[in-house]
């Protein structure tokens, strides 16, 4: 009779272990599904951010190019004032010094 009760106990333990294994498998599948969903959401978010930053950089690139062109024009005008200041010391000391510019000698034409 002892063997019958031991067999019954081992069957119940086996049934409990299988139940716990099934629960663990369900938890793992839920965790996997959650991780996949989290990964998909993060990917969509990062793709959207990449798209927005790319558009913003394209807009800023055109503005930067315009600014560089204007700056080059202003520097060309400032160079003319600096050349004028080389020949006129009073202009250099009164006007150019206010803007932090120094007079430069004009290059001889060849």
N, C-alpha and C. Protein backbone atom coordinates (compact mmCIF):
# COMPACT_ATOMS: atom_id res chain seq x y z
N UNK A 1 0.80 -1.19 0.00
CA UNK A 1 0.00 0.00 0.00
C UNK A 1 0.84 1.26 0.00
N UNK A 2 1.99 1.10 0.54
CA UNK A 2 2.87 2.26 0.56
C UNK A 2 3.21 2.73 -0.84
N UNK A 3 3.40 1.82 -1.72
CA UNK A 3 3.76 2.20 -3.09
C UNK A 3 2.63 2.95 -3.77
N UNK A 4 1.39 2.59 -3.45
CA UNK A 4 0.25 3.28 -4.06
C UNK A 4 0.19 4.74 -3.61
N UNK A 5 0.39 5.00 -2.34
CA UNK A 5 0.36 6.38 -1.83
C UNK A 5 1.56 7.18 -2.33
N UNK A 6 2.71 6.51 -2.42
CA UNK A 6 3.88 7.20 -2.96
C UNK A 6 3.66 7.54 -4.43
N UNK A 7 3.06 6.61 -5.16
CA UNK A 7 2.77 6.84 -6.58
C UNK A 7 1.78 7.99 -6.74
N UNK A 8 0.80 8.01 -5.87
CA UNK A 8 -0.21 9.09 -5.89
C UNK A 8 0.45 10.43 -5.57
N UNK A 9 1.32 10.46 -4.59
CA UNK A 9 2.03 11.69 -4.22
C UNK A 9 2.93 12.18 -5.35
N UNK A 10 3.63 11.27 -5.98
CA UNK A 10 4.52 11.68 -7.07
C UNK A 10 3.71 12.20 -8.25
N UNK A 11 2.54 11.63 -8.50
CA UNK A 11 1.67 12.11 -9.58
C UNK A 11 1.18 13.53 -9.28
N UNK A 12 0.82 13.77 -8.05
CA UNK A 12 0.36 15.11 -7.66
C UNK A 12 1.51 16.12 -7.77
N UNK A 13 2.70 15.71 -7.34
CA UNK A 13 3.86 16.60 -7.46
C UNK A 13 4.17 16.90 -8.92
N UNK A 14 4.08 15.84 -9.75
CA UNK A 14 4.32 16.02 -11.18
C UNK A 14 3.28 16.95 -11.80
N UNK A 15 2.04 16.79 -11.39
CA UNK A 15 0.96 17.66 -11.88
C UNK A 15 1.21 19.10 -11.44
N UNK A 16 1.64 19.30 -10.20
CA UNK A 16 1.92 20.65 -9.70
C UNK A 16 3.11 21.26 -10.44
N UNK A 17 4.14 20.45 -10.70
CA UNK A 17 5.31 20.94 -11.44
C UNK A 17 4.93 21.34 -12.86
N UNK A 18 4.10 20.53 -13.50
CA UNK A 18 3.66 20.86 -14.87
C UNK A 18 2.83 22.15 -14.87
N UNK A 19 2.02 22.32 -13.84
CA UNK A 19 1.21 23.54 -13.73
C UNK A 19 2.12 24.76 -13.55
N UNK A 20 3.11 24.63 -12.70
CA UNK A 20 4.05 25.73 -12.48
C UNK A 20 4.87 26.01 -13.75
N UNK A 21 5.24 24.94 -14.45
CA UNK A 21 5.98 25.11 -15.71
C UNK A 21 5.12 25.85 -16.73
N UNK A 22 3.87 25.52 -16.80
CA UNK A 22 2.95 26.18 -17.72
C UNK A 22 2.79 27.66 -17.36
N UNK A 23 2.66 27.94 -16.07
CA UNK A 23 2.56 29.33 -15.63
C UNK A 23 3.83 30.11 -15.97
N UNK A 24 4.98 29.49 -15.74
CA UNK A 24 6.25 30.12 -16.06
C UNK A 24 6.37 30.39 -17.55
N UNK A 25 5.96 29.43 -18.37
CA UNK A 25 5.99 29.62 -19.82
C UNK A 25 5.08 30.79 -20.22
N UNK A 26 3.91 30.89 -19.61
CA UNK A 26 3.01 32.00 -19.92
C UNK A 26 3.62 33.34 -19.53
N UNK A 27 4.26 33.38 -18.37
CA UNK A 27 4.91 34.62 -17.93
C UNK A 27 6.03 35.00 -18.89
N UNK A 28 6.81 34.03 -19.31
CA UNK A 28 7.90 34.30 -20.24
C UNK A 28 7.37 34.79 -21.59
N UNK A 29 6.30 34.19 -22.08
CA UNK A 29 5.71 34.65 -23.35
C UNK A 29 5.17 36.07 -23.21
N UNK A 30 4.56 36.39 -22.09
CA UNK A 30 4.07 37.74 -21.86
C UNK A 30 5.23 38.74 -21.79
N UNK A 31 6.31 38.34 -21.14
CA UNK A 31 7.48 39.21 -21.06
C UNK A 31 8.07 39.42 -22.45
N UNK A 32 8.14 38.37 -23.24
CA UNK A 32 8.65 38.49 -24.61
C UNK A 32 7.76 39.40 -25.45
N UNK A 33 6.45 39.23 -25.33
CA UNK A 33 5.52 40.09 -26.07
C UNK A 33 5.67 41.54 -25.63
N UNK A 34 5.83 41.76 -24.33
CA UNK A 34 6.03 43.13 -23.83
C UNK A 34 7.31 43.74 -24.35
N UNK A 35 8.38 42.97 -24.36
CA UNK A 35 9.65 43.47 -24.88
C UNK A 35 9.56 43.79 -26.36
N UNK A 36 8.88 42.94 -27.12
CA UNK A 36 8.71 43.21 -28.54
C UNK A 36 7.89 44.48 -28.78
N UNK A 37 6.85 44.66 -27.98
CA UNK A 37 6.03 45.86 -28.11
C UNK A 37 6.83 47.10 -27.73
N UNK A 38 7.59 47.01 -26.66
CA UNK A 38 8.43 48.12 -26.23
C UNK A 38 9.47 48.46 -27.30
N UNK A 39 10.09 47.44 -27.87
CA UNK A 39 11.08 47.66 -28.93
C UNK A 39 10.44 48.31 -30.14
N UNK A 40 9.26 47.85 -30.53
CA UNK A 40 8.57 48.43 -31.68
C UNK A 40 8.21 49.89 -31.42
N UNK A 41 7.71 50.19 -30.23
CA UNK A 41 7.36 51.57 -29.90
C UNK A 41 8.58 52.47 -29.89
N UNK A 42 9.67 52.00 -29.32
CA UNK A 42 10.91 52.80 -29.30
C UNK A 42 11.44 53.01 -30.71
N UNK A 43 11.32 52.00 -31.56
CA UNK A 43 11.78 52.14 -32.94
C UNK A 43 10.96 53.18 -33.69
N UNK A 44 9.66 53.15 -33.52
CA UNK A 44 8.80 54.15 -34.16
C UNK A 44 9.13 55.53 -33.65
N UNK A 45 9.32 55.67 -32.35
CA UNK A 45 9.66 56.96 -31.76
C UNK A 45 10.99 57.48 -32.31
N UNK A 46 12.00 56.62 -32.36
CA UNK A 46 13.31 57.04 -32.85
C UNK A 46 13.27 57.37 -34.34
N UNK A 47 12.51 56.63 -35.12
CA UNK A 47 12.37 56.96 -36.54
C UNK A 47 11.70 58.32 -36.72
N UNK A 48 10.69 58.59 -35.92
CA UNK A 48 10.00 59.89 -35.98
C UNK A 48 10.96 61.03 -35.60
N UNK A 49 11.73 60.82 -34.54
CA UNK A 49 12.69 61.84 -34.13
C UNK A 49 13.74 62.06 -35.21
N UNK A 50 14.20 60.99 -35.83
CA UNK A 50 15.18 61.10 -36.91
C UNK A 50 14.61 61.90 -38.07
N UNK A 51 13.36 61.64 -38.43
CA UNK A 51 12.71 62.37 -39.51
C UNK A 51 12.59 63.86 -39.17
N UNK A 52 12.16 64.17 -37.96
CA UNK A 52 12.00 65.57 -37.57
C UNK A 52 13.34 66.30 -37.52
N UNK A 53 14.37 65.66 -36.99
CA UNK A 53 15.68 66.29 -36.92
C UNK A 53 16.28 66.47 -38.32
N UNK A 54 16.02 65.53 -39.21
CA UNK A 54 16.51 65.66 -40.58
C UNK A 54 15.85 66.86 -41.27
N UNK A 55 14.54 67.00 -41.10
CA UNK A 55 13.84 68.16 -41.68
C UNK A 55 14.36 69.46 -41.09
N UNK A 56 14.57 69.49 -39.79
CA UNK A 56 15.07 70.69 -39.12
C UNK A 56 16.48 71.03 -39.60
N UNK A 57 17.32 70.03 -39.79
CA UNK A 57 18.68 70.31 -40.25
C UNK A 57 18.68 70.82 -41.68
N UNK A 58 17.77 70.34 -42.52
CA UNK A 58 17.68 70.86 -43.89
C UNK A 58 17.27 72.33 -43.89
N UNK A 59 16.33 72.68 -43.01
CA UNK A 59 15.91 74.09 -42.92
C UNK A 59 17.06 74.96 -42.41
N UNK A 60 17.77 74.48 -41.42
CA UNK A 60 18.88 75.25 -40.86
C UNK A 60 20.04 75.35 -41.83
N UNK A 61 20.21 74.35 -42.68
CA UNK A 61 21.30 74.38 -43.64
C UNK A 61 21.11 75.51 -44.63
N UNK A 62 19.89 75.71 -45.12
CA UNK A 62 19.66 76.80 -46.06
C UNK A 62 19.85 78.16 -45.39
N UNK A 63 19.40 78.29 -44.15
CA UNK A 63 19.59 79.54 -43.41
C UNK A 63 21.07 79.79 -43.15
N UNK A 64 21.82 78.74 -42.83
CA UNK A 64 23.26 78.89 -42.58
C UNK A 64 23.99 79.30 -43.85
N UNK A 65 23.60 78.74 -44.98
CA UNK A 65 24.25 79.10 -46.24
C UNK A 65 23.99 80.57 -46.58
N UNK A 66 22.76 81.03 -46.36
CA UNK A 66 22.44 82.45 -46.59
C UNK A 66 23.25 83.34 -45.65
N UNK A 67 23.37 82.93 -44.41
CA UNK A 67 24.13 83.70 -43.43
C UNK A 67 25.61 83.78 -43.81
N UNK A 68 26.15 82.68 -44.29
CA UNK A 68 27.56 82.67 -44.71
C UNK A 68 27.76 83.62 -45.88
N UNK A 69 26.82 83.61 -46.83
CA UNK A 69 26.95 84.52 -47.98
C UNK A 69 26.89 85.98 -47.53
N UNK A 70 25.94 86.29 -46.64
CA UNK A 70 25.85 87.66 -46.13
C UNK A 70 27.11 88.04 -45.36
N UNK A 71 27.64 87.13 -44.59
CA UNK A 71 28.84 87.39 -43.81
C UNK A 71 30.03 87.66 -44.74
N UNK A 72 30.14 86.91 -45.82
CA UNK A 72 31.22 87.14 -46.78
C UNK A 72 31.12 88.53 -47.41
N UNK A 73 29.88 88.93 -47.71
CA UNK A 73 29.68 90.26 -48.28
C UNK A 73 30.06 91.34 -47.27
N UNK A 74 29.67 91.15 -46.02
CA UNK A 74 30.01 92.13 -44.99
C UNK A 74 31.51 92.19 -44.75
N UNK A 75 32.17 91.05 -44.78
CA UNK A 75 33.61 91.04 -44.59
C UNK A 75 34.34 91.72 -45.75
N UNK A 76 33.78 91.61 -46.95
CA UNK A 76 34.38 92.30 -48.10
C UNK A 76 34.27 93.81 -47.93
N UNK A 77 33.12 94.28 -47.44
CA UNK A 77 32.93 95.71 -47.19
C UNK A 77 33.84 96.17 -46.05
N UNK A 78 33.93 95.36 -45.01
CA UNK A 78 34.80 95.72 -43.87
C UNK A 78 36.25 95.81 -44.31
N UNK A 79 36.66 94.96 -45.23
CA UNK A 79 38.04 95.01 -45.73
C UNK A 79 38.30 96.33 -46.45
N UNK A 80 37.31 96.82 -47.15
CA UNK A 80 37.47 98.11 -47.84
C UNK A 80 37.64 99.24 -46.81
N UNK A 81 36.86 99.18 -45.73
CA UNK A 81 37.00 100.19 -44.68
C UNK A 81 38.38 100.11 -44.02
N UNK A 82 38.87 98.89 -43.83
CA UNK A 82 40.20 98.71 -43.23
C UNK A 82 41.29 99.26 -44.16
N UNK A 83 41.12 99.07 -45.44
CA UNK A 83 42.09 99.61 -46.39
C UNK A 83 42.07 101.15 -46.35
N UNK A 84 40.87 101.70 -46.26
CA UNK A 84 40.74 103.15 -46.17
C UNK A 84 41.40 103.65 -44.88
N UNK A 85 41.23 102.90 -43.80
CA UNK A 85 41.82 103.27 -42.52
C UNK A 85 43.34 103.26 -42.54
N UNK A 86 43.95 102.45 -43.41
CA UNK A 86 45.41 102.42 -43.50
C UNK A 86 45.94 103.75 -44.02
N UNK A 87 45.18 104.39 -44.90
CA UNK A 87 45.62 105.67 -45.47
C UNK A 87 45.16 106.86 -44.62
N UNK A 88 44.21 106.66 -43.75
CA UNK A 88 43.66 107.75 -42.94
C UNK A 88 43.69 107.35 -41.46
N UNK A 89 44.73 107.71 -40.74
CA UNK A 89 44.88 107.29 -39.34
C UNK A 89 43.79 107.81 -38.42
N UNK A 90 43.26 108.99 -38.69
CA UNK A 90 42.18 109.49 -37.83
C UNK A 90 40.93 108.63 -37.96
N UNK A 91 40.62 108.17 -39.15
CA UNK A 91 39.48 107.26 -39.37
C UNK A 91 39.73 105.94 -38.65
N UNK A 92 40.94 105.44 -38.74
CA UNK A 92 41.29 104.17 -38.09
C UNK A 92 41.16 104.28 -36.58
N UNK A 93 41.63 105.37 -36.00
CA UNK A 93 41.60 105.47 -34.55
C UNK A 93 40.20 105.78 -34.02
N UNK A 94 39.39 106.50 -34.80
CA UNK A 94 38.05 106.86 -34.31
C UNK A 94 36.97 105.84 -34.66
N UNK A 95 36.99 105.35 -35.88
CA UNK A 95 35.89 104.49 -36.33
C UNK A 95 36.24 103.00 -36.23
N UNK A 96 37.33 102.60 -36.84
CA UNK A 96 37.67 101.18 -36.88
C UNK A 96 37.92 100.61 -35.48
N UNK A 97 38.51 101.41 -34.60
CA UNK A 97 38.80 100.91 -33.26
C UNK A 97 37.52 100.62 -32.47
N UNK A 98 36.43 101.32 -32.77
CA UNK A 98 35.15 101.05 -32.09
C UNK A 98 34.64 99.64 -32.41
N UNK A 99 34.93 99.18 -33.61
CA UNK A 99 34.44 97.87 -34.04
C UNK A 99 35.49 96.77 -33.94
N UNK A 100 36.62 97.09 -33.34
CA UNK A 100 37.66 96.09 -33.16
C UNK A 100 38.38 95.73 -34.45
N UNK A 101 38.37 96.63 -35.41
CA UNK A 101 39.05 96.38 -36.69
C UNK A 101 40.36 97.14 -36.73
N UNK A 102 41.32 96.58 -37.43
CA UNK A 102 42.61 97.24 -37.58
C UNK A 102 42.81 97.58 -39.05
N UNK A 103 43.45 98.67 -39.31
CA UNK A 103 43.68 99.03 -40.71
C UNK A 103 44.63 98.04 -41.37
N UNK A 104 44.35 97.76 -42.64
CA UNK A 104 45.24 96.88 -43.41
C UNK A 104 45.69 97.62 -44.66
N UNK A 105 46.89 97.35 -45.05
CA UNK A 105 47.44 98.01 -46.23
C UNK A 105 46.82 97.41 -47.49
N UNK A 106 46.54 98.25 -48.46
CA UNK A 106 45.99 97.78 -49.72
C UNK A 106 47.06 97.03 -50.48
N UNK A 107 46.66 95.96 -51.14
CA UNK A 107 47.63 95.18 -51.92
C UNK A 107 47.87 95.88 -53.25
N UNK A 108 49.11 95.95 -53.67
CA UNK A 108 49.38 96.60 -54.96
C UNK A 108 48.82 95.78 -56.11
N UNK A 109 48.26 96.46 -57.09
CA UNK A 109 47.71 95.80 -58.27
C UNK A 109 48.83 95.36 -59.20
N UNK A 110 48.77 94.20 -59.77
CA UNK A 110 49.79 93.70 -60.68
C UNK A 110 49.34 93.85 -62.10
